[in-house]
Structures are given as C-alpha cells and as structure tokens.
Amino acid sequence: MVKGIGIDIIEVQRVKKIAEKNPKFLQRIFTSREINYCLKKRNKYQHLAARFAAKEAFFKAIGERISWTDVELFNLSYGKPQLKIKSKERFPFEEIHVSISHLAEYAAAIVILEGKK
C-alpha cells in the first residue's frame, strides 16, 4: 500500500551557486559518501542537485523534515538509485522507491513509500 509520494525539481545552477558561496553547504546537506561520489563526476553539480531533489522528495513523502544527512542516496552496482534512512525504526516502510533524473539545467526526483495498512 502506498504510504507517501513526493516529487521535487531543482535548478542545477542554484545548487552550484549555494555550494560555491558557502563551502559548509555540502557537509550540511550530503553525507561524505554522497559528496565523494558526486565530486568524482564530470557534471558534479547535476549529481548533487539530483541527490538534493531526492531528499526533498523523501521529506515531502513522509510529511516532515529530518536531518539532511539522515537520508542518503547511493547507487547499487548496476546503477539503480537507493535511499538509505538512518531512522528506520521511525520510518518502517517496506519499500522506498526512488527515481532521479538530471540534465544540464534541472534535476528531479520522485519517491514512493510503501508499507502495510
């Protein structure tokens, strides 16, 4: 049963401007694994923006805000994105589905939460 749905879109340039203006922004929003992954990419700000959008979509799906770094987006070995939540007992969903997309100008994500009745 669907327990929550969230969607978000963000301008890549917005993430880039904030990150360049405030160096602590990355550490406040992203885990070290997310930062390391994105900074190795050619289009690093597209990847950062996609992770930002995924976290925002998750917050919309649960209907509340938790710490940004308590939510981590990573990719499985074959590329599928996954969300990892530190507070699993607080948010006991059976499945967390996430899909991300990014282009030069925008990044978007959708999150669907499934659980029992």
PDB file of N, CA and C in Angstrom:
ATOM      1  N   MET A   1       0.839  -1.176   0.000  1.00  0.00           N
ATOM      2  CA  MET A   1       0.000   0.000   0.000  1.00  0.00           C
ATOM      3  C   MET A   1       0.891   1.249   0.000  1.00  0.00           C
ATOM      4  N   VAL A   2       0.548   2.214  -0.834  1.00  0.00           N
ATOM      5  CA  VAL A   2       1.322   3.454  -0.903  1.00  0.00           C
ATOM      6  C   VAL A   2       1.063   4.281   0.356  1.00  0.00           C
ATOM      7  N   LYS A   3       2.145   4.653   1.034  1.00  0.00           N
ATOM      8  CA  LYS A   3       2.060   5.438   2.270  1.00  0.00           C
ATOM      9  C   LYS A   3       2.476   6.887   2.064  1.00  0.00           C
ATOM     10  N   GLY A   4       3.143   7.170   0.955  1.00  0.00           N
ATOM     11  CA  GLY A   4       3.552   8.538   0.686  1.00  0.00           C
ATOM     12  C   GLY A   4       4.186   8.671  -0.682  1.00  0.00           C
ATOM     13  N   ILE A   5       3.999   9.853  -1.265  1.00  0.00           N
ATOM     14  CA  ILE A   5       4.605  10.173  -2.557  1.00  0.00           C
ATOM     15  C   ILE A   5       5.178  11.579  -2.462  1.00  0.00           C
ATOM     16  N   GLY A   6       6.382  11.755  -2.965  1.00  0.00           N
ATOM     17  CA  GLY A   6       6.991  13.082  -3.004  1.00  0.00           C
ATOM     18  C   GLY A   6       7.726  13.270  -4.313  1.00  0.00           C
ATOM     19  N   ILE A   7       7.733  14.501  -4.794  1.00  0.00           N
ATOM     20  CA  ILE A   7       8.432  14.822  -6.039  1.00  0.00           C
ATOM     21  C   ILE A   7       9.102  16.178  -5.864  1.00  0.00           C
ATOM     22  N   ASP A   8      10.247  16.353  -6.508  1.00  0.00           N
ATOM     23  CA  ASP A   8      10.947  17.631  -6.424  1.00  0.00           C
ATOM     24  C   ASP A   8      11.741  17.865  -7.697  1.00  0.00           C
ATOM     25  N   ILE A   9      11.873  19.134  -8.039  1.00  0.00           N
ATOM     26  CA  ILE A   9      12.708  19.556  -9.162  1.00  0.00           C
ATOM     27  C   ILE A   9      13.498  20.775  -8.703  1.00  0.00           C
ATOM     28  N   ILE A  10      14.744  20.858  -9.122  1.00  0.00           N
ATOM     29  CA  ILE A  10      15.595  21.976  -8.719  1.00  0.00           C
ATOM     30  C   ILE A  10      16.509  22.366  -9.876  1.00  0.00           C
ATOM     31  N   GLU A  11      16.830  23.640  -9.932  1.00  0.00           N
ATOM     32  CA  GLU A  11      17.786  24.111 -10.926  1.00  0.00           C
ATOM     33  C   GLU A  11      19.197  23.726 -10.479  1.00  0.00           C
ATOM     34  N   VAL A  12      19.950  23.129 -11.353  1.00  0.00           N
ATOM     35  CA  VAL A  12      21.327  22.730 -11.046  1.00  0.00           C
ATOM     36  C   VAL A  12      22.156  23.953 -10.673  1.00  0.00           C
ATOM     37  N   GLN A  13      21.947  25.051 -11.367  1.00  0.00           N
ATOM     38  CA  GLN A  13      22.704  26.283 -11.117  1.00  0.00           C
ATOM     39  C   GLN A  13      22.501  26.794  -9.688  1.00  0.00           C
ATOM     40  N   ARG A  14      21.310  26.594  -9.144  1.00  0.00           N
ATOM     41  CA  ARG A  14      21.028  27.020  -7.760  1.00  0.00           C
ATOM     42  C   ARG A  14      21.918  26.273  -6.770  1.00  0.00           C
ATOM     43  N   VAL A  15      22.036  24.963  -6.948  1.00  0.00           N
ATOM     44  CA  VAL A  15      22.898  24.161  -6.075  1.00  0.00           C
ATOM     45  C   VAL A  15      24.353  24.595  -6.241  1.00  0.00           C
ATOM     46  N   LYS A  16      24.766  24.822  -7.467  1.00  0.00           N
ATOM     47  CA  LYS A  16      26.147  25.244  -7.729  1.00  0.00           C
ATOM     48  C   LYS A  16      26.454  26.576  -7.044  1.00  0.00           C
ATOM     49  N   LYS A  17      25.568  27.547  -7.176  1.00  0.00           N
ATOM     50  CA  LYS A  17      25.785  28.869  -6.571  1.00  0.00           C
ATOM     51  C   LYS A  17      25.883  28.780  -5.051  1.00  0.00           C
ATOM     52  N   ILE A  18      24.977  28.027  -4.441  1.00  0.00           N
ATOM     53  CA  ILE A  18      24.994  27.895  -2.979  1.00  0.00           C
ATOM     54  C   ILE A  18      26.268  27.191  -2.526  1.00  0.00           C
ATOM     55  N   ALA A  19      26.652  26.125  -3.217  1.00  0.00           N
ATOM     56  CA  ALA A  19      27.854  25.363  -2.843  1.00  0.00           C
ATOM     57  C   ALA A  19      29.116  26.210  -2.979  1.00  0.00           C
ATOM     58  N   GLU A  20      29.188  27.027  -4.023  1.00  0.00           N
ATOM     59  CA  GLU A  20      30.372  27.865  -4.225  1.00  0.00           C
ATOM     60  C   GLU A  20      30.417  29.031  -3.240  1.00  0.00           C
ATOM     61  N   LYS A  21      29.261  29.521  -2.841  1.00  0.00           N
ATOM     62  CA  LYS A  21      29.188  30.651  -1.914  1.00  0.00           C
ATOM     63  C   LYS A  21      29.414  30.216  -0.466  1.00  0.00           C
ATOM     64  N   ASN A  22      28.925  29.018  -0.126  1.00  0.00           N
ATOM     65  CA  ASN A  22      29.001  28.522   1.246  1.00  0.00           C
ATOM     66  C   ASN A  22      29.602  27.114   1.255  1.00  0.00           C
ATOM     67  N   PRO A  23      30.910  26.989   1.514  1.00  0.00           N
ATOM     68  CA  PRO A  23      31.569  25.676   1.488  1.00  0.00           C
ATOM     69  C   PRO A  23      30.974  24.651   2.466  1.00  0.00           C
ATOM     70  N   LYS A  24      30.344  25.100   3.540  1.00  0.00           N
ATOM     71  CA  LYS A  24      29.761  24.166   4.518  1.00  0.00           C
ATOM     72  C   LYS A  24      28.437  23.574   4.042  1.00  0.00           C
ATOM     73  N   PHE A  25      27.892  24.132   2.984  1.00  0.00           N
ATOM     74  CA  PHE A  25      26.616  23.654   2.450  1.00  0.00           C
ATOM     75  C   PHE A  25      26.662  22.158   2.145  1.00  0.00           C
ATOM     76  N   LEU A  26      27.712  21.708   1.479  1.00  0.00           N
ATOM     77  CA  LEU A  26      27.800  20.299   1.098  1.00  0.00           C
ATOM     78  C   LEU A  26      27.771  19.386   2.315  1.00  0.00           C
ATOM     79  N   GLN A  27      28.532  19.721   3.365  1.00  0.00           N
ATOM     80  CA  GLN A  27      28.583  18.879   4.564  1.00  0.00           C
ATOM     81  C   GLN A  27      27.262  18.910   5.340  1.00  0.00           C
ATOM     82  N   ARG A  28      26.522  20.005   5.236  1.00  0.00           N
ATOM     83  CA  ARG A  28      25.251  20.115   5.950  1.00  0.00           C
ATOM     84  C   ARG A  28      24.147  19.301   5.268  1.00  0.00           C
ATOM     85  N   ILE A  29      24.231  19.163   3.952  1.00  0.00           N
ATOM     86  CA  ILE A  29      23.162  18.527   3.179  1.00  0.00           C
ATOM     87  C   ILE A  29      23.469  17.079   2.801  1.00  0.00           C
ATOM     88  N   PHE A  30      24.732  16.786   2.506  1.00  0.00           N
ATOM     89  CA  PHE A  30      25.096  15.486   1.951  1.00  0.00           C
ATOM     90  C   PHE A  30      26.017  14.703   2.879  1.00  0.00           C
ATOM     91  N   THR A  31      25.932  13.370   2.795  1.00  0.00           N
ATOM     92  CA  THR A  31      26.857  12.515   3.539  1.00  0.00           C
ATOM     93  C   THR A  31      28.209  12.516   2.824  1.00  0.00           C
ATOM     94  N   SER A  32      29.235  12.056   3.509  1.00  0.00           N
ATOM     95  CA  SER A  32      30.567  12.017   2.883  1.00  0.00           C
ATOM     96  C   SER A  32      30.573  11.092   1.668  1.00  0.00           C
ATOM     97  N   ARG A  33      29.809  10.010   1.715  1.00  0.00           N
ATOM     98  CA  ARG A  33      29.738   9.102   0.563  1.00  0.00           C
ATOM     99  C   ARG A  33      29.088   9.797  -0.640  1.00  0.00           C
ATOM    100  N   GLU A  34      28.047  10.582  -0.394  1.00  0.00           N
ATOM    101  CA  GLU A  34      27.401  11.316  -1.482  1.00  0.00           C
ATOM    102  C   GLU A  34      28.349  12.360  -2.078  1.00  0.00           C
ATOM    103  N   ILE A  35      29.037  13.086  -1.213  1.00  0.00           N
ATOM    104  CA  ILE A  35      29.973  14.117  -1.678  1.00  0.00           C
ATOM    105  C   ILE A  35      31.085  13.487  -2.508  1.00  0.00           C
ATOM    106  N   ASN A  36      31.693  12.426  -1.996  1.00  0.00           N
ATOM    107  CA  ASN A  36      32.781  11.754  -2.726  1.00  0.00           C
ATOM    108  C   ASN A  36      32.318  11.251  -4.091  1.00  0.00           C
ATOM    109  N   TYR A  37      31.138  10.657  -4.128  1.00  0.00           N
ATOM    110  CA  TYR A  37      30.595  10.146  -5.392  1.00  0.00           C
ATOM    111  C   TYR A  37      30.406  11.282  -6.400  1.00  0.00           C
ATOM    112  N   CYS A  38      29.759  12.351  -5.967  1.00  0.00           N
ATOM    113  CA  CYS A  38      29.426  13.453  -6.884  1.00  0.00           C
ATOM    114  C   CYS A  38      30.652  14.218  -7.362  1.00  0.00           C
ATOM    115  N   LEU A  39      31.594  14.460  -6.468  1.00  0.00           N
ATOM    116  CA  LEU A  39      32.756  15.265  -6.844  1.00  0.00           C
ATOM    117  C   LEU A  39      33.670  14.554  -7.843  1.00  0.00           C
ATOM    118  N   LYS A  40      33.531  13.235  -7.965  1.00  0.00           N
ATOM    119  CA  LYS A  40      34.310  12.481  -8.953  1.00  0.00           C
ATOM    120  C   LYS A  40      33.691  12.540 -10.350  1.00  0.00           C
ATOM    121  N   LYS A  41      32.461  13.008 -10.426  1.00  0.00           N
ATOM    122  CA  LYS A  41      31.739  13.042 -11.699  1.00  0.00           C
ATOM    123  C   LYS A  41      32.080  14.294 -12.492  1.00  0.00           C
ATOM    124  N   ARG A  42      32.011  14.179 -13.818  1.00  0.00           N
ATOM    125  CA  ARG A  42      32.282  15.328 -14.681  1.00  0.00           C
ATOM    126  C   ARG A  42      31.255  16.439 -14.443  1.00  0.00           C
ATOM    127  N   ASN A  43      30.002  16.076 -14.323  1.00  0.00           N
ATOM    128  CA  ASN A  43      28.919  17.038 -14.075  1.00  0.00           C
ATOM    129  C   ASN A  43      28.495  16.969 -12.609  1.00  0.00           C
ATOM    130  N   LYS A  44      29.420  17.292 -11.726  1.00  0.00           N
ATOM    131  CA  LYS A  44      29.202  17.085 -10.292  1.00  0.00           C
ATOM    132  C   LYS A  44      27.975  17.801  -9.755  1.00  0.00           C
ATOM    133  N   TYR A  45      27.679  18.992 -10.256  1.00  0.00           N
ATOM    134  CA  TYR A  45      26.534  19.728  -9.718  1.00  0.00           C
ATOM    135  C   TYR A  45      25.206  19.123 -10.156  1.00  0.00           C
ATOM    136  N   GLN A  46      25.174  18.463 -11.294  1.00  0.00           N
ATOM    137  CA  GLN A  46      23.966  17.737 -11.689  1.00  0.00           C
ATOM    138  C   GLN A  46      23.704  16.590 -10.716  1.00  0.00           C
ATOM    139  N   HIS A  47      24.750  15.890 -10.335  1.00  0.00           N
ATOM    140  CA  HIS A  47      24.612  14.763  -9.406  1.00  0.00           C
ATOM    141  C   HIS A  47      24.248  15.245  -8.002  1.00  0.00           C
ATOM    142  N   LEU A  48      24.848  16.344  -7.564  1.00  0.00           N
ATOM    143  CA  LEU A  48      24.494  16.914  -6.262  1.00  0.00           C
ATOM    144  C   LEU A  48      23.043  17.380  -6.261  1.00  0.00           C
ATOM    145  N   ALA A  49      22.623  18.042  -7.328  1.00  0.00           N
ATOM    146  CA  ALA A  49      21.246  18.527  -7.416  1.00  0.00           C
ATOM    147  C   ALA A  49      20.248  17.368  -7.419  1.00  0.00           C
ATOM    148  N   ALA A  50      20.586  16.278  -8.083  1.00  0.00           N
ATOM    149  CA  ALA A  50      19.698  15.111  -8.102  1.00  0.00           C
ATOM    150  C   ALA A  50      19.542  14.529  -6.704  1.00  0.00           C
ATOM    151  N   ARG A  51      20.621  14.487  -5.941  1.00  0.00           N
ATOM    152  CA  ARG A  51      20.545  13.983  -4.570  1.00  0.00           C
ATOM    153  C   ARG A  51      19.755  14.933  -3.679  1.00  0.00           C
ATOM    154  N   PHE A  52      19.933  16.217  -3.890  1.00  0.00           N
ATOM    155  CA  PHE A  52      19.148  17.209  -3.157  1.00  0.00           C
ATOM    156  C   PHE A  52      17.656  17.006  -3.444  1.00  0.00           C
ATOM    157  N   ALA A  53      17.308  16.850  -4.722  1.00  0.00           N
ATOM    158  CA  ALA A  53      15.911  16.648  -5.114  1.00  0.00           C
ATOM    159  C   ALA A  53      15.346  15.362  -4.518  1.00  0.00           C
ATOM    160  N   ALA A  54      16.143  14.303  -4.465  1.00  0.00           N
ATOM    161  CA  ALA A  54      15.680  13.036  -3.888  1.00  0.00           C
ATOM    162  C   ALA A  54      15.380  13.190  -2.401  1.00  0.00           C
ATOM    163  N   LYS A  55      16.231  13.904  -1.691  1.00  0.00           N
ATOM    164  CA  LYS A  55      15.997  14.124  -0.261  1.00  0.00           C
ATOM    165  C   LYS A  55      14.744  14.971  -0.048  1.00  0.00           C
ATOM    166  N   GLU A  56      14.584  16.026  -0.838  1.00  0.00           N
ATOM    167  CA  GLU A  56      13.380  16.867  -0.748  1.00  0.00           C
ATOM    168  C   GLU A  56      12.133  16.037  -1.046  1.00  0.00           C
ATOM    169  N   ALA A  57      12.192  15.192  -2.059  1.00  0.00           N
ATOM    170  CA  ALA A  57      11.053  14.340  -2.405  1.00  0.00           C
ATOM    171  C   ALA A  57      10.728  13.390  -1.252  1.00  0.00           C
ATOM    172  N   PHE A  58      11.756  12.850  -0.594  1.00  0.00           N
ATOM    173  CA  PHE A  58      11.528  11.973   0.555  1.00  0.00           C
ATOM    174  C   PHE A  58      10.858  12.740   1.690  1.00  0.00           C
ATOM    175  N   PHE A  59      11.339  13.950   1.975  1.00  0.00           N
ATOM    176  CA  PHE A  59      10.732  14.757   3.043  1.00  0.00           C
ATOM    177  C   PHE A  59       9.257  15.033   2.737  1.00  0.00           C
ATOM    178  N   LYS A  60       8.939  15.301   1.496  1.00  0.00           N
ATOM    179  CA  LYS A  60       7.547  15.530   1.106  1.00  0.00           C
ATOM    180  C   LYS A  60       6.726  14.255   1.271  1.00  0.00           C
ATOM    181  N   ALA A  61       7.313  13.112   0.957  1.00  0.00           N
ATOM    182  CA  ALA A  61       6.596  11.838   1.065  1.00  0.00           C
ATOM    183  C   ALA A  61       6.294  11.472   2.516  1.00  0.00           C
ATOM    184  N   ILE A  62       7.212  11.775   3.439  1.00  0.00           N
ATOM    185  CA  ILE A  62       6.966  11.437   4.848  1.00  0.00           C
ATOM    186  C   ILE A  62       6.189  12.542   5.564  1.00  0.00           C
ATOM    187  N   GLY A  63       6.139  13.719   4.974  1.00  0.00           N
ATOM    188  CA  GLY A  63       5.373  14.808   5.563  1.00  0.00           C
ATOM    189  C   GLY A  63       6.048  15.519   6.708  1.00  0.00           C
ATOM    190  N   GLU A  64       7.348  15.346   6.842  1.00  0.00           N
ATOM    191  CA  GLU A  64       8.105  16.035   7.885  1.00  0.00           C
ATOM    192  C   GLU A  64       9.563  16.135   7.476  1.00  0.00           C
ATOM    193  N   ARG A  65      10.297  16.894   8.244  1.00  0.00           N
ATOM    194  CA  ARG A  65      11.716  17.110   7.944  1.00  0.00           C
ATOM    195  C   ARG A  65      12.547  16.401   9.007  1.00  0.00           C
ATOM    196  N   ILE A  66      13.568  15.687   8.568  1.00  0.00           N
ATOM    197  CA  ILE A  66      14.569  15.130   9.473  1.00  0.00           C
ATOM    198  C   ILE A  66      15.917  15.678   9.008  1.00  0.00           C
ATOM    199  N   SER A  67      16.970  15.321   9.676  1.00  0.00           N
ATOM    200  CA  SER A  67      18.289  15.815   9.286  1.00  0.00           C
ATOM    201  C   SER A  67      18.613  15.387   7.854  1.00  0.00           C
ATOM    202  N   TRP A  68      19.158  16.321   7.092  1.00  0.00           N
ATOM    203  CA  TRP A  68      19.527  16.035   5.704  1.00  0.00           C
ATOM    204  C   TRP A  68      20.457  14.832   5.599  1.00  0.00           C
ATOM    205  N   THR A  69      21.391  14.725   6.530  1.00  0.00           N
ATOM    206  CA  THR A  69      22.379  13.640   6.439  1.00  0.00           C
ATOM    207  C   THR A  69      21.856  12.318   6.999  1.00  0.00           C
ATOM    208  N   ASP A  70      20.618  12.305   7.510  1.00  0.00           N
ATOM    209  CA  ASP A  70      19.990  11.048   7.910  1.00  0.00           C
ATOM    210  C   ASP A  70      19.376  10.330   6.712  1.00  0.00           C
ATOM    211  N   VAL A  71      19.403  10.981   5.579  1.00  0.00           N
ATOM    212  CA  VAL A  71      18.891  10.414   4.328  1.00  0.00           C
ATOM    213  C   VAL A  71      20.052  10.410   3.337  1.00  0.00           C
ATOM    214  N   GLU A  72      20.344   9.247   2.789  1.00  0.00           N
ATOM    215  CA  GLU A  72      21.473   9.132   1.861  1.00  0.00           C
ATOM    216  C   GLU A  72      21.029   8.448   0.578  1.00  0.00           C
ATOM    217  N   LEU A  73      21.387   9.048  -0.542  1.00  0.00           N
ATOM    218  CA  LEU A  73      21.124   8.439  -1.841  1.00  0.00           C
ATOM    219  C   LEU A  73      22.421   7.842  -2.365  1.00  0.00           C
ATOM    220  N   PHE A  74      22.364   6.573  -2.739  1.00  0.00           N
ATOM    221  CA  PHE A  74      23.526   5.914  -3.334  1.00  0.00           C
ATOM    222  C   PHE A  74      23.026   5.053  -4.486  1.00  0.00           C
ATOM    223  N   ASN A  75      23.948   4.567  -5.273  1.00  0.00           N
ATOM    224  CA  ASN A  75      23.590   3.725  -6.410  1.00  0.00           C
ATOM    225  C   ASN A  75      24.068   2.303  -6.175  1.00  0.00           C
ATOM    226  N   LEU A  76      23.216   1.354  -6.517  1.00  0.00           N
ATOM    227  CA  LEU A  76      23.623  -0.047  -6.487  1.00  0.00           C
ATOM    228  C   LEU A  76      24.649  -0.271  -7.594  1.00  0.00           C
ATOM    229  N   SER A  77      25.305  -1.418  -7.577  1.00  0.00           N
ATOM    230  CA  SER A  77      26.385  -1.685  -8.534  1.00  0.00           C
ATOM    231  C   SER A  77      25.935  -1.562  -9.990  1.00  0.00           C
ATOM    232  N   TYR A  78      24.674  -1.820 -10.261  1.00  0.00           N
ATOM    233  CA  TYR A  78      24.170  -1.727 -11.633  1.00  0.00           C
ATOM    234  C   TYR A  78      23.502  -0.378 -11.913  1.00  0.00           C
ATOM    235  N   GLY A  79      23.654   0.590 -10.991  1.00  0.00           N
ATOM    236  CA  GLY A  79      23.215   1.956 -11.238  1.00  0.00           C
ATOM    237  C   GLY A  79      21.901   2.392 -10.628  1.00  0.00           C
ATOM    238  N   LYS A  80      21.092   1.455 -10.156  1.00  0.00           N
ATOM    239  CA  LYS A  80      19.788   1.820  -9.597  1.00  0.00           C
ATOM    240  C   LYS A  80      19.977   2.655  -8.332  1.00  0.00           C
ATOM    241  N   PRO A  81      19.297   3.821  -8.246  1.00  0.00           N
ATOM    242  CA  PRO A  81      19.416   4.636  -7.035  1.00  0.00           C
ATOM    243  C   PRO A  81      18.627   4.036  -5.870  1.00  0.00           C
ATOM    244  N   GLN A  82      19.167   4.203  -4.675  1.00  0.00           N
ATOM    245  CA  GLN A  82      18.536   3.710  -3.449  1.00  0.00           C
ATOM    246  C   GLN A  82      18.625   4.791  -2.381  1.00  0.00           C
ATOM    247  N   LEU A  83      17.592   4.895  -1.555  1.00  0.00           N
ATOM    248  CA  LEU A  83      17.635   5.790  -0.405  1.00  0.00           C
ATOM    249  C   LEU A  83      17.876   4.968   0.848  1.00  0.00           C
ATOM    250  N   LYS A  84      18.797   5.422   1.660  1.00  0.00           N
ATOM    251  CA  LYS A  84      19.089   4.785   2.940  1.00  0.00           C
ATOM    252  C   LYS A  84      18.691   5.780   4.030  1.00  0.00           C
ATOM    253  N   ILE A  85      17.875   5.315   4.975  1.00  0.00           N
ATOM    254  CA  ILE A  85      17.392   6.168   6.055  1.00  0.00           C
ATOM    255  C   ILE A  85      17.995   5.681   7.362  1.00  0.00           C
ATOM    256  N   LYS A  86      18.613   6.593   8.122  1.00  0.00           N
ATOM    257  CA  LYS A  86      19.228   6.198   9.391  1.00  0.00           C
ATOM    258  C   LYS A  86      18.185   5.815  10.433  1.00  0.00           C
ATOM    259  N   SER A  87      17.019   6.459  10.424  1.00  0.00           N
ATOM    260  CA  SER A  87      15.978   6.222  11.432  1.00  0.00           C
ATOM    261  C   SER A  87      14.956   5.210  10.926  1.00  0.00           C
ATOM    262  N   LYS A  88      15.403   4.008  10.600  1.00  0.00           N
ATOM    263  CA  LYS A  88      14.500   3.001  10.035  1.00  0.00           C
ATOM    264  C   LYS A  88      13.346   2.659  10.975  1.00  0.00           C
ATOM    265  N   GLU A  89      13.608   2.610  12.282  1.00  0.00           N
ATOM    266  CA  GLU A  89      12.545   2.273  13.225  1.00  0.00           C
ATOM    267  C   GLU A  89      11.490   3.375  13.288  1.00  0.00           C
ATOM    268  N   ARG A  90      11.888   4.599  13.009  1.00  0.00           N
ATOM    269  CA  ARG A  90      10.945   5.726  13.000  1.00  0.00           C
ATOM    270  C   ARG A  90      10.127   5.742  11.710  1.00  0.00           C
ATOM    271  N   PHE A  91      10.697   5.247  10.648  1.00  0.00           N
ATOM    272  CA  PHE A  91      10.045   5.215   9.341  1.00  0.00           C
ATOM    273  C   PHE A  91      10.106   3.790   8.794  1.00  0.00           C
ATOM    274  N   PRO A  92       9.258   2.894   9.325  1.00  0.00           N
ATOM    275  CA  PRO A  92       9.338   1.474   8.954  1.00  0.00           C
ATOM    276  C   PRO A  92       8.616   1.142   7.643  1.00  0.00           C
ATOM    277  N   PHE A  93       9.086   1.685   6.558  1.00  0.00           N
ATOM    278  CA  PHE A  93       8.478   1.399   5.264  1.00  0.00           C
ATOM    279  C   PHE A  93       9.027   0.085   4.721  1.00  0.00           C
ATOM    280  N   GLU A  94       8.170  -0.665   4.050  1.00  0.00           N
ATOM    281  CA  GLU A  94       8.617  -1.918   3.444  1.00  0.00           C
ATOM    282  C   GLU A  94       9.489  -1.655   2.224  1.00  0.00           C
ATOM    283  N   GLU A  95       9.139  -0.638   1.467  1.00  0.00           N
ATOM    284  CA  GLU A  95       9.893  -0.289   0.259  1.00  0.00           C
ATOM    285  C   GLU A  95       9.968   1.222   0.122  1.00  0.00           C
ATOM    286  N   ILE A  96      11.124   1.695  -0.300  1.00  0.00           N
ATOM    287  CA  ILE A  96      11.296   3.098  -0.657  1.00  0.00           C
ATOM    288  C   ILE A  96      11.771   3.107  -2.106  1.00  0.00           C
ATOM    289  N   HIS A  97      10.898   3.550  -2.990  1.00  0.00           N
ATOM    290  CA  HIS A  97      11.236   3.618  -4.410  1.00  0.00           C
ATOM    291  C   HIS A  97      11.693   5.039  -4.716  1.00  0.00           C
ATOM    292  N   VAL A  98      12.783   5.166  -5.444  1.00  0.00           N
ATOM    293  CA  VAL A  98      13.279   6.488  -5.828  1.00  0.00           C
ATOM    294  C   VAL A  98      13.737   6.449  -7.281  1.00  0.00           C
ATOM    295  N   SER A  99      13.417   7.510  -7.981  1.00  0.00           N
ATOM    296  CA  SER A  99      13.889   7.673  -9.351  1.00  0.00           C
ATOM    297  C   SER A  99      14.397   9.097  -9.487  1.00  0.00           C
ATOM    298  N   ILE A 100      15.568   9.244 -10.099  1.00  0.00           N
ATOM    299  CA  ILE A 100      16.160  10.571 -10.287  1.00  0.00           C
ATOM    300  C   ILE A 100      16.475  10.781 -11.760  1.00  0.00           C
ATOM    301  N   SER A 101      16.533  12.047 -12.138  1.00  0.00           N
ATOM    302  CA  SER A 101      16.914  12.403 -13.497  1.00  0.00           C
ATOM    303  C   SER A 101      17.576  13.766 -13.445  1.00  0.00           C
ATOM    304  N   HIS A 102      18.576  13.959 -14.296  1.00  0.00           N
ATOM    305  CA  HIS A 102      19.212  15.273 -14.336  1.00  0.00           C
ATOM    306  C   HIS A 102      19.700  15.589 -15.736  1.00  0.00           C
ATOM    307  N   LEU A 103      19.574  16.864 -16.053  1.00  0.00           N
ATOM    308  CA  LEU A 103      20.063  17.427 -17.306  1.00  0.00           C
ATOM    309  C   LEU A 103      20.972  18.588 -16.944  1.00  0.00           C
ATOM    310  N   ALA A 104      21.427  19.317 -17.922  1.00  0.00           N
ATOM    311  CA  ALA A 104      22.329  20.438 -17.658  1.00  0.00           C
ATOM    312  C   ALA A 104      21.694  21.484 -16.746  1.00  0.00           C
ATOM    313  N   GLU A 105      20.393  21.738 -16.897  1.00  0.00           N
ATOM    314  CA  GLU A 105      19.753  22.818 -16.149  1.00  0.00           C
ATOM    315  C   GLU A 105      18.946  22.377 -14.937  1.00  0.00           C
ATOM    316  N   TYR A 106      18.371  21.178 -14.978  1.00  0.00           N
ATOM    317  CA  TYR A 106      17.469  20.756 -13.904  1.00  0.00           C
ATOM    318  C   TYR A 106      17.777  19.338 -13.434  1.00  0.00           C
ATOM    319  N   ALA A 107      17.413  19.090 -12.177  1.00  0.00           N
ATOM    320  CA  ALA A 107      17.447  17.737 -11.622  1.00  0.00           C
ATOM    321  C   ALA A 107      16.093  17.500 -10.964  1.00  0.00           C
ATOM    322  N   ALA A 108      15.615  16.273 -11.057  1.00  0.00           N
ATOM    323  CA  ALA A 108      14.310  15.943 -10.496  1.00  0.00           C
ATOM    324  C   ALA A 108      14.368  14.571  -9.844  1.00  0.00           C
ATOM    325  N   ALA A 109      13.447  14.361  -8.900  1.00  0.00           N
ATOM    326  CA  ALA A 109      13.361  13.058  -8.237  1.00  0.00           C
ATOM    327  C   ALA A 109      11.931  12.817  -7.777  1.00  0.00           C
ATOM    328  N   ILE A 110      11.577  11.556  -7.717  1.00  0.00           N
ATOM    329  CA  ILE A 110      10.299  11.141  -7.156  1.00  0.00           C
ATOM    330  C   ILE A 110      10.574  10.008  -6.175  1.00  0.00           C
ATOM    331  N   VAL A 111       9.834  10.010  -5.071  1.00  0.00           N
ATOM    332  CA  VAL A 111       9.951   8.969  -4.049  1.00  0.00           C
ATOM    333  C   VAL A 111       8.553   8.433  -3.767  1.00  0.00           C
ATOM    334  N   ILE A 112       8.432   7.115  -3.736  1.00  0.00           N
ATOM    335  CA  ILE A 112       7.179   6.455  -3.378  1.00  0.00           C
ATOM    336  C   ILE A 112       7.473   5.526  -2.209  1.00  0.00           C
ATOM    337  N   LEU A 113       6.701   5.684  -1.136  1.00  0.00           N
ATOM    338  CA  LEU A 113       6.872   4.880   0.074  1.00  0.00           C
ATOM    339  C   LEU A 113       5.767   3.839   0.140  1.00  0.00           C
ATOM    340  N   GLU A 114       6.140   2.596   0.396  1.00  0.00           N
ATOM    341  CA  GLU A 114       5.170   1.518   0.528  1.00  0.00           C
ATOM    342  C   GLU A 114       5.255   0.918   1.924  1.00  0.00           C
ATOM    343  N   GLY A 115       4.103   0.511   2.430  1.00  0.00           N
ATOM    344  CA  GLY A 115       4.060  -0.128   3.732  1.00  0.00           C
ATOM    345  C   GLY A 115       2.755  -0.875   3.904  1.00  0.00           C
ATOM    346  N   LYS A 116       2.613  -1.485   5.075  1.00  0.00           N
ATOM    347  CA  LYS A 116       1.372  -2.195   5.386  1.00  0.00           C
ATOM    348  C   LYS A 116       0.290  -1.183   5.741  1.00  0.00           C
ATOM    349  N   LYS A 117      -0.958  -1.648   5.750  1.00  0.00           N
ATOM    350  CA  LYS A 117      -2.100  -0.773   6.071  1.00  0.00           C
ATOM    351  C   LYS A 117      -1.915   0.033   7.307  1.00  0.00           C
TER     352      LYS A 117
END
